[in-house]
Amino acid sequence: MSRSVIFVAIGGMLGAVARFGAVELIASFLPFTFPTGTFAVNVVGSFIMGAAVGISERYFIQPDWRVFLTAGFCGGFTTMSSFAFENVTLLIDRYYVTFAAYSTATFLACVGAAFLGFVLTRP
């Protein structure tokens, strides 16, 4: 097993635990129909992904640590599968406006956050 696989596995585990905790915490403060926890995690994770790539271009970061942050931590932290299932649930429950707002806001905010993270950290 390569070192990179171990770095991805550890990063993914930490990212998944961080996601679970963040979603639970946010949902306890903001108990709306809109899935605020998953939304926030996707935006923050997108920023971290962009920043990790930008920092690795600006400074030398060992490839193992880059894959730890990107494929590992961000892969475990961001929740696209949860996002997809929550959208299906919103559609089944006929929350069409919430579905449209959540899908659109998530797409725009996550792409924007990834771009911002990259631009702020690259050389």
N, C-alpha and C. Protein backbone atom coordinates (compact mmCIF):
# COMPACT_ATOMS: atom_id res chain seq x y z
N MET A 1 0.85 -1.17 0.00
CA MET A 1 0.00 0.00 0.00
C MET A 1 0.89 1.24 0.00
N SER A 2 0.58 2.18 -0.87
CA SER A 2 1.42 3.38 -0.98
C SER A 2 1.10 4.36 0.15
N ARG A 3 2.06 5.23 0.40
CA ARG A 3 1.87 6.26 1.42
C ARG A 3 0.67 7.15 1.09
N SER A 4 0.49 7.44 -0.19
CA SER A 4 -0.62 8.30 -0.60
C SER A 4 -1.97 7.71 -0.20
N VAL A 5 -2.12 6.41 -0.35
CA VAL A 5 -3.38 5.76 0.02
C VAL A 5 -3.63 5.92 1.52
N ILE A 6 -2.57 5.78 2.31
CA ILE A 6 -2.71 5.94 3.76
C ILE A 6 -3.08 7.38 4.10
N PHE A 7 -2.45 8.34 3.42
CA PHE A 7 -2.77 9.76 3.66
C PHE A 7 -4.22 10.07 3.28
N VAL A 8 -4.69 9.52 2.17
CA VAL A 8 -6.08 9.72 1.76
C VAL A 8 -7.02 9.09 2.79
N ALA A 9 -6.71 7.90 3.24
CA ALA A 9 -7.57 7.20 4.20
C ALA A 9 -7.67 7.96 5.51
N ILE A 10 -6.56 8.43 6.04
CA ILE A 10 -6.58 9.17 7.30
C ILE A 10 -7.29 10.51 7.11
N GLY A 11 -6.98 11.21 6.01
CA GLY A 11 -7.66 12.48 5.74
C GLY A 11 -9.15 12.30 5.56
N GLY A 12 -9.55 11.24 4.86
CA GLY A 12 -10.97 10.97 4.66
C GLY A 12 -11.69 10.69 5.96
N MET A 13 -11.05 9.93 6.83
CA MET A 13 -11.65 9.64 8.14
C MET A 13 -11.83 10.93 8.94
N LEU A 14 -10.80 11.75 8.99
CA LEU A 14 -10.89 13.01 9.73
C LEU A 14 -11.92 13.95 9.11
N GLY A 15 -11.96 13.99 7.79
CA GLY A 15 -12.94 14.84 7.11
C GLY A 15 -14.37 14.39 7.38
N ALA A 16 -14.60 13.08 7.36
CA ALA A 16 -15.95 12.56 7.61
C ALA A 16 -16.39 12.85 9.04
N VAL A 17 -15.49 12.70 10.00
CA VAL A 17 -15.82 13.00 11.40
C VAL A 17 -16.09 14.50 11.56
N ALA A 18 -15.27 15.32 10.91
CA ALA A 18 -15.48 16.78 10.97
C ALA A 18 -16.81 17.16 10.34
N ARG A 19 -17.15 16.52 9.21
CA ARG A 19 -18.44 16.80 8.57
C ARG A 19 -19.59 16.44 9.48
N PHE A 20 -19.55 15.26 10.06
CA PHE A 20 -20.63 14.82 10.94
C PHE A 20 -20.83 15.81 12.09
N GLY A 21 -19.72 16.19 12.73
CA GLY A 21 -19.81 17.14 13.84
C GLY A 21 -20.33 18.50 13.41
N ALA A 22 -19.84 19.00 12.28
CA ALA A 22 -20.26 20.32 11.81
C ALA A 22 -21.73 20.34 11.42
N VAL A 23 -22.19 19.31 10.71
CA VAL A 23 -23.60 19.26 10.30
C VAL A 23 -24.50 19.18 11.53
N GLU A 24 -24.14 18.35 12.49
CA GLU A 24 -24.94 18.24 13.72
C GLU A 24 -24.98 19.56 14.48
N LEU A 25 -23.84 20.22 14.61
CA LEU A 25 -23.77 21.48 15.34
C LEU A 25 -24.60 22.56 14.65
N ILE A 26 -24.42 22.69 13.35
CA ILE A 26 -25.16 23.73 12.61
C ILE A 26 -26.65 23.44 12.65
N ALA A 27 -27.05 22.20 12.48
CA ALA A 27 -28.47 21.84 12.50
C ALA A 27 -29.09 22.12 13.87
N SER A 28 -28.32 22.01 14.93
CA SER A 28 -28.86 22.28 16.27
C SER A 28 -29.15 23.77 16.46
N PHE A 29 -28.43 24.62 15.75
CA PHE A 29 -28.65 26.07 15.85
C PHE A 29 -29.64 26.59 14.82
N LEU A 30 -29.69 25.94 13.67
CA LEU A 30 -30.52 26.41 12.56
C LEU A 30 -31.41 25.28 12.05
N PRO A 31 -32.45 24.92 12.78
CA PRO A 31 -33.29 23.77 12.39
C PRO A 31 -34.34 24.15 11.33
N PHE A 32 -33.86 24.41 10.10
CA PHE A 32 -34.75 24.78 9.01
C PHE A 32 -34.97 23.59 8.08
N THR A 33 -35.94 23.74 7.17
CA THR A 33 -36.11 22.76 6.11
C THR A 33 -34.88 22.78 5.20
N PHE A 34 -34.35 23.97 4.95
CA PHE A 34 -33.13 24.13 4.14
C PHE A 34 -31.99 23.42 4.87
N PRO A 35 -31.29 22.51 4.20
CA PRO A 35 -30.21 21.75 4.85
C PRO A 35 -28.96 22.61 5.07
N THR A 36 -29.01 23.48 6.08
CA THR A 36 -27.94 24.45 6.31
C THR A 36 -26.61 23.79 6.65
N GLY A 37 -26.63 22.70 7.38
CA GLY A 37 -25.38 22.04 7.76
C GLY A 37 -24.61 21.53 6.56
N THR A 38 -25.29 20.81 5.69
CA THR A 38 -24.64 20.28 4.49
C THR A 38 -24.21 21.42 3.58
N PHE A 39 -25.04 22.44 3.46
CA PHE A 39 -24.70 23.60 2.63
C PHE A 39 -23.40 24.24 3.13
N ALA A 40 -23.32 24.50 4.44
CA ALA A 40 -22.14 25.14 5.00
C ALA A 40 -20.89 24.28 4.83
N VAL A 41 -21.03 22.98 5.05
CA VAL A 41 -19.90 22.07 4.90
C VAL A 41 -19.41 22.06 3.45
N ASN A 42 -20.33 22.05 2.50
CA ASN A 42 -19.92 22.05 1.09
C ASN A 42 -19.19 23.33 0.71
N VAL A 43 -19.65 24.47 1.23
CA VAL A 43 -18.99 25.74 0.92
C VAL A 43 -17.61 25.80 1.58
N VAL A 44 -17.52 25.46 2.86
CA VAL A 44 -16.24 25.48 3.56
C VAL A 44 -15.27 24.47 2.92
N GLY A 45 -15.75 23.28 2.62
CA GLY A 45 -14.91 22.27 1.98
C GLY A 45 -14.41 22.71 0.62
N SER A 46 -15.25 23.41 -0.12
CA SER A 46 -14.84 23.92 -1.43
C SER A 46 -13.74 24.97 -1.28
N PHE A 47 -13.88 25.82 -0.27
CA PHE A 47 -12.84 26.82 -0.01
C PHE A 47 -11.53 26.15 0.37
N ILE A 48 -11.59 25.16 1.26
CA ILE A 48 -10.39 24.45 1.69
C ILE A 48 -9.72 23.77 0.48
N MET A 49 -10.53 23.18 -0.39
CA MET A 49 -9.98 22.52 -1.58
C MET A 49 -9.24 23.53 -2.46
N GLY A 50 -9.89 24.66 -2.74
CA GLY A 50 -9.24 25.69 -3.56
C GLY A 50 -7.99 26.23 -2.90
N ALA A 51 -8.06 26.48 -1.60
CA ALA A 51 -6.90 27.00 -0.88
C ALA A 51 -5.75 25.99 -0.84
N ALA A 52 -6.07 24.72 -0.66
CA ALA A 52 -5.02 23.69 -0.61
C ALA A 52 -4.27 23.62 -1.94
N VAL A 53 -5.00 23.71 -3.04
CA VAL A 53 -4.35 23.68 -4.36
C VAL A 53 -3.54 24.95 -4.57
N GLY A 54 -4.12 26.10 -4.20
CA GLY A 54 -3.39 27.36 -4.35
C GLY A 54 -2.13 27.42 -3.51
N ILE A 55 -2.21 26.96 -2.26
CA ILE A 55 -1.04 26.95 -1.37
C ILE A 55 0.03 26.01 -1.91
N SER A 56 -0.41 24.87 -2.44
CA SER A 56 0.58 23.91 -2.94
C SER A 56 1.28 24.44 -4.19
N GLU A 57 0.64 25.36 -4.91
CA GLU A 57 1.31 25.99 -6.05
C GLU A 57 2.25 27.10 -5.59
N ARG A 58 1.90 27.75 -4.49
CA ARG A 58 2.72 28.86 -3.99
C ARG A 58 3.94 28.36 -3.23
N TYR A 59 3.75 27.38 -2.40
CA TYR A 59 4.81 26.82 -1.57
C TYR A 59 4.96 25.35 -1.90
N PHE A 60 6.11 24.80 -1.59
CA PHE A 60 6.28 23.37 -1.81
C PHE A 60 5.58 22.62 -0.69
N ILE A 61 4.62 21.82 -1.05
CA ILE A 61 3.96 20.95 -0.10
C ILE A 61 4.18 19.53 -0.58
N GLN A 62 4.59 18.68 0.32
CA GLN A 62 4.80 17.28 -0.04
C GLN A 62 3.55 16.74 -0.71
N PRO A 63 3.69 15.96 -1.78
CA PRO A 63 2.53 15.40 -2.47
C PRO A 63 1.60 14.61 -1.54
N ASP A 64 2.17 13.92 -0.54
CA ASP A 64 1.33 13.16 0.40
C ASP A 64 0.40 14.09 1.18
N TRP A 65 0.92 15.25 1.57
CA TRP A 65 0.09 16.19 2.34
C TRP A 65 -0.96 16.86 1.46
N ARG A 66 -0.61 17.11 0.22
CA ARG A 66 -1.61 17.68 -0.70
C ARG A 66 -2.76 16.70 -0.91
N VAL A 67 -2.46 15.43 -1.13
CA VAL A 67 -3.50 14.43 -1.32
C VAL A 67 -4.27 14.19 -0.02
N PHE A 68 -3.59 14.35 1.12
CA PHE A 68 -4.27 14.25 2.42
C PHE A 68 -5.36 15.31 2.52
N LEU A 69 -5.03 16.55 2.16
CA LEU A 69 -6.00 17.66 2.25
C LEU A 69 -7.10 17.58 1.18
N THR A 70 -6.71 17.29 -0.06
CA THR A 70 -7.67 17.35 -1.16
C THR A 70 -8.53 16.09 -1.25
N ALA A 71 -7.94 15.00 -1.70
CA ALA A 71 -8.70 13.75 -1.87
C ALA A 71 -9.15 13.19 -0.53
N GLY A 72 -8.30 13.34 0.50
CA GLY A 72 -8.62 12.78 1.81
C GLY A 72 -9.60 13.63 2.59
N PHE A 73 -9.10 14.70 3.21
CA PHE A 73 -9.94 15.49 4.10
C PHE A 73 -11.15 16.10 3.37
N CYS A 74 -10.90 16.80 2.27
CA CYS A 74 -12.01 17.44 1.55
C CYS A 74 -12.97 16.40 0.96
N GLY A 75 -12.42 15.28 0.51
CA GLY A 75 -13.27 14.21 -0.01
C GLY A 75 -14.18 13.64 1.07
N GLY A 76 -13.67 13.52 2.29
CA GLY A 76 -14.48 13.03 3.39
C GLY A 76 -15.37 14.11 3.98
N PHE A 77 -14.93 15.37 3.92
CA PHE A 77 -15.65 16.47 4.54
C PHE A 77 -16.82 16.97 3.70
N THR A 78 -16.60 17.15 2.42
CA THR A 78 -17.69 17.63 1.57
C THR A 78 -18.68 16.50 1.35
N THR A 79 -19.88 16.86 1.05
CA THR A 79 -20.97 15.89 1.17
C THR A 79 -21.86 15.87 -0.06
N MET A 80 -21.26 15.68 -1.21
CA MET A 80 -22.08 15.72 -2.42
C MET A 80 -23.14 14.62 -2.43
N SER A 81 -22.84 13.46 -1.90
CA SER A 81 -23.86 12.41 -1.86
C SER A 81 -25.00 12.79 -0.92
N SER A 82 -24.67 13.41 0.20
CA SER A 82 -25.72 13.90 1.10
C SER A 82 -26.51 15.01 0.42
N PHE A 83 -25.82 15.88 -0.28
CA PHE A 83 -26.47 16.95 -1.02
C PHE A 83 -27.48 16.39 -2.02
N ALA A 84 -27.07 15.39 -2.77
CA ALA A 84 -27.96 14.79 -3.76
C ALA A 84 -29.18 14.16 -3.10
N PHE A 85 -28.96 13.41 -2.03
CA PHE A 85 -30.08 12.75 -1.35
C PHE A 85 -31.03 13.76 -0.71
N GLU A 86 -30.48 14.82 -0.12
CA GLU A 86 -31.33 15.85 0.47
C GLU A 86 -32.19 16.53 -0.60
N ASN A 87 -31.64 16.72 -1.79
CA ASN A 87 -32.43 17.30 -2.88
C ASN A 87 -33.55 16.36 -3.31
N VAL A 88 -33.26 15.07 -3.37
CA VAL A 88 -34.30 14.10 -3.70
C VAL A 88 -35.41 14.15 -2.64
N THR A 89 -35.01 14.22 -1.38
CA THR A 89 -36.00 14.30 -0.30
C THR A 89 -36.84 15.57 -0.41
N LEU A 90 -36.21 16.69 -0.71
CA LEU A 90 -36.96 17.94 -0.89
C LEU A 90 -37.97 17.81 -2.03
N LEU A 91 -37.57 17.17 -3.12
CA LEU A 91 -38.49 16.97 -4.25
C LEU A 91 -39.63 16.03 -3.88
N ILE A 92 -39.31 14.93 -3.23
CA ILE A 92 -40.36 13.98 -2.82
C ILE A 92 -41.35 14.65 -1.89
N ASP A 93 -40.84 15.48 -0.97
CA ASP A 93 -41.71 16.18 -0.02
C ASP A 93 -42.36 17.43 -0.61
N ARG A 94 -42.09 17.68 -1.88
CA ARG A 94 -42.69 18.79 -2.64
C ARG A 94 -42.30 20.18 -2.12
N TYR A 95 -41.07 20.28 -1.64
CA TYR A 95 -40.51 21.58 -1.27
C TYR A 95 -39.75 22.12 -2.49
N TYR A 96 -40.48 22.46 -3.54
CA TYR A 96 -39.86 22.83 -4.81
C TYR A 96 -39.03 24.10 -4.73
N VAL A 97 -39.52 25.09 -4.02
CA VAL A 97 -38.79 26.36 -3.91
C VAL A 97 -37.51 26.14 -3.10
N THR A 98 -37.60 25.39 -2.00
CA THR A 98 -36.42 25.10 -1.20
C THR A 98 -35.41 24.29 -2.02
N PHE A 99 -35.90 23.32 -2.80
CA PHE A 99 -35.03 22.53 -3.68
C PHE A 99 -34.28 23.45 -4.64
N ALA A 100 -35.00 24.35 -5.30
CA ALA A 100 -34.37 25.25 -6.27
C ALA A 100 -33.36 26.18 -5.59
N ALA A 101 -33.75 26.73 -4.45
CA ALA A 101 -32.85 27.64 -3.73
C ALA A 101 -31.60 26.91 -3.25
N TYR A 102 -31.78 25.74 -2.67
CA TYR A 102 -30.66 24.97 -2.12
C TYR A 102 -29.70 24.52 -3.23
N SER A 103 -30.25 23.98 -4.30
CA SER A 103 -29.40 23.51 -5.41
C SER A 103 -28.62 24.67 -6.03
N THR A 104 -29.29 25.76 -6.31
CA THR A 104 -28.65 26.91 -6.93
C THR A 104 -27.62 27.54 -6.00
N ALA A 105 -28.02 27.76 -4.75
CA ALA A 105 -27.11 28.40 -3.79
C ALA A 105 -25.88 27.54 -3.55
N THR A 106 -26.06 26.23 -3.44
CA THR A 106 -24.92 25.34 -3.21
C THR A 106 -23.96 25.39 -4.39
N PHE A 107 -24.48 25.29 -5.59
CA PHE A 107 -23.61 25.32 -6.77
C PHE A 107 -22.84 26.63 -6.84
N LEU A 108 -23.53 27.75 -6.74
CA LEU A 108 -22.87 29.05 -6.87
C LEU A 108 -21.88 29.30 -5.73
N ALA A 109 -22.30 29.00 -4.50
CA ALA A 109 -21.42 29.26 -3.35
C ALA A 109 -20.19 28.35 -3.36
N CYS A 110 -20.35 27.09 -3.73
CA CYS A 110 -19.20 26.17 -3.72
C CYS A 110 -18.22 26.48 -4.83
N VAL A 111 -18.70 26.77 -6.02
CA VAL A 111 -17.79 27.15 -7.10
C VAL A 111 -17.10 28.47 -6.74
N GLY A 112 -17.86 29.41 -6.20
CA GLY A 112 -17.27 30.68 -5.78
C GLY A 112 -16.25 30.51 -4.67
N ALA A 113 -16.54 29.65 -3.70
CA ALA A 113 -15.61 29.42 -2.59
C ALA A 113 -14.33 28.75 -3.07
N ALA A 114 -14.45 27.77 -3.96
CA ALA A 114 -13.26 27.11 -4.50
C ALA A 114 -12.39 28.10 -5.28
N PHE A 115 -13.05 28.96 -6.08
CA PHE A 115 -12.32 29.97 -6.84
C PHE A 115 -11.63 30.95 -5.90
N LEU A 116 -12.35 31.42 -4.88
CA LEU A 116 -11.79 32.36 -3.91
C LEU A 116 -10.60 31.74 -3.17
N GLY A 117 -10.77 30.52 -2.71
CA GLY A 117 -9.67 29.85 -2.01
C GLY A 117 -8.44 29.72 -2.88
N PHE A 118 -8.65 29.39 -4.15
CA PHE A 118 -7.53 29.25 -5.08
C PHE A 118 -6.86 30.59 -5.35
N VAL A 119 -7.66 31.61 -5.66
CA VAL A 119 -7.12 32.92 -6.03
C VAL A 119 -6.39 33.56 -4.85
N LEU A 120 -6.91 33.41 -3.64
CA LEU A 120 -6.29 34.02 -2.47
C LEU A 120 -4.97 33.37 -2.07
N THR A 121 -4.74 32.16 -2.52
CA THR A 121 -3.56 31.45 -2.03
C THR A 121 -2.51 31.14 -3.09
N ARG A 122 -2.81 31.36 -4.34
CA ARG A 122 -1.84 31.03 -5.38
C ARG A 122 -0.83 32.15 -5.53
N PRO A 123 0.29 31.84 -6.16
CA PRO A 123 1.35 32.86 -6.29
C PRO A 123 0.94 34.04 -7.16
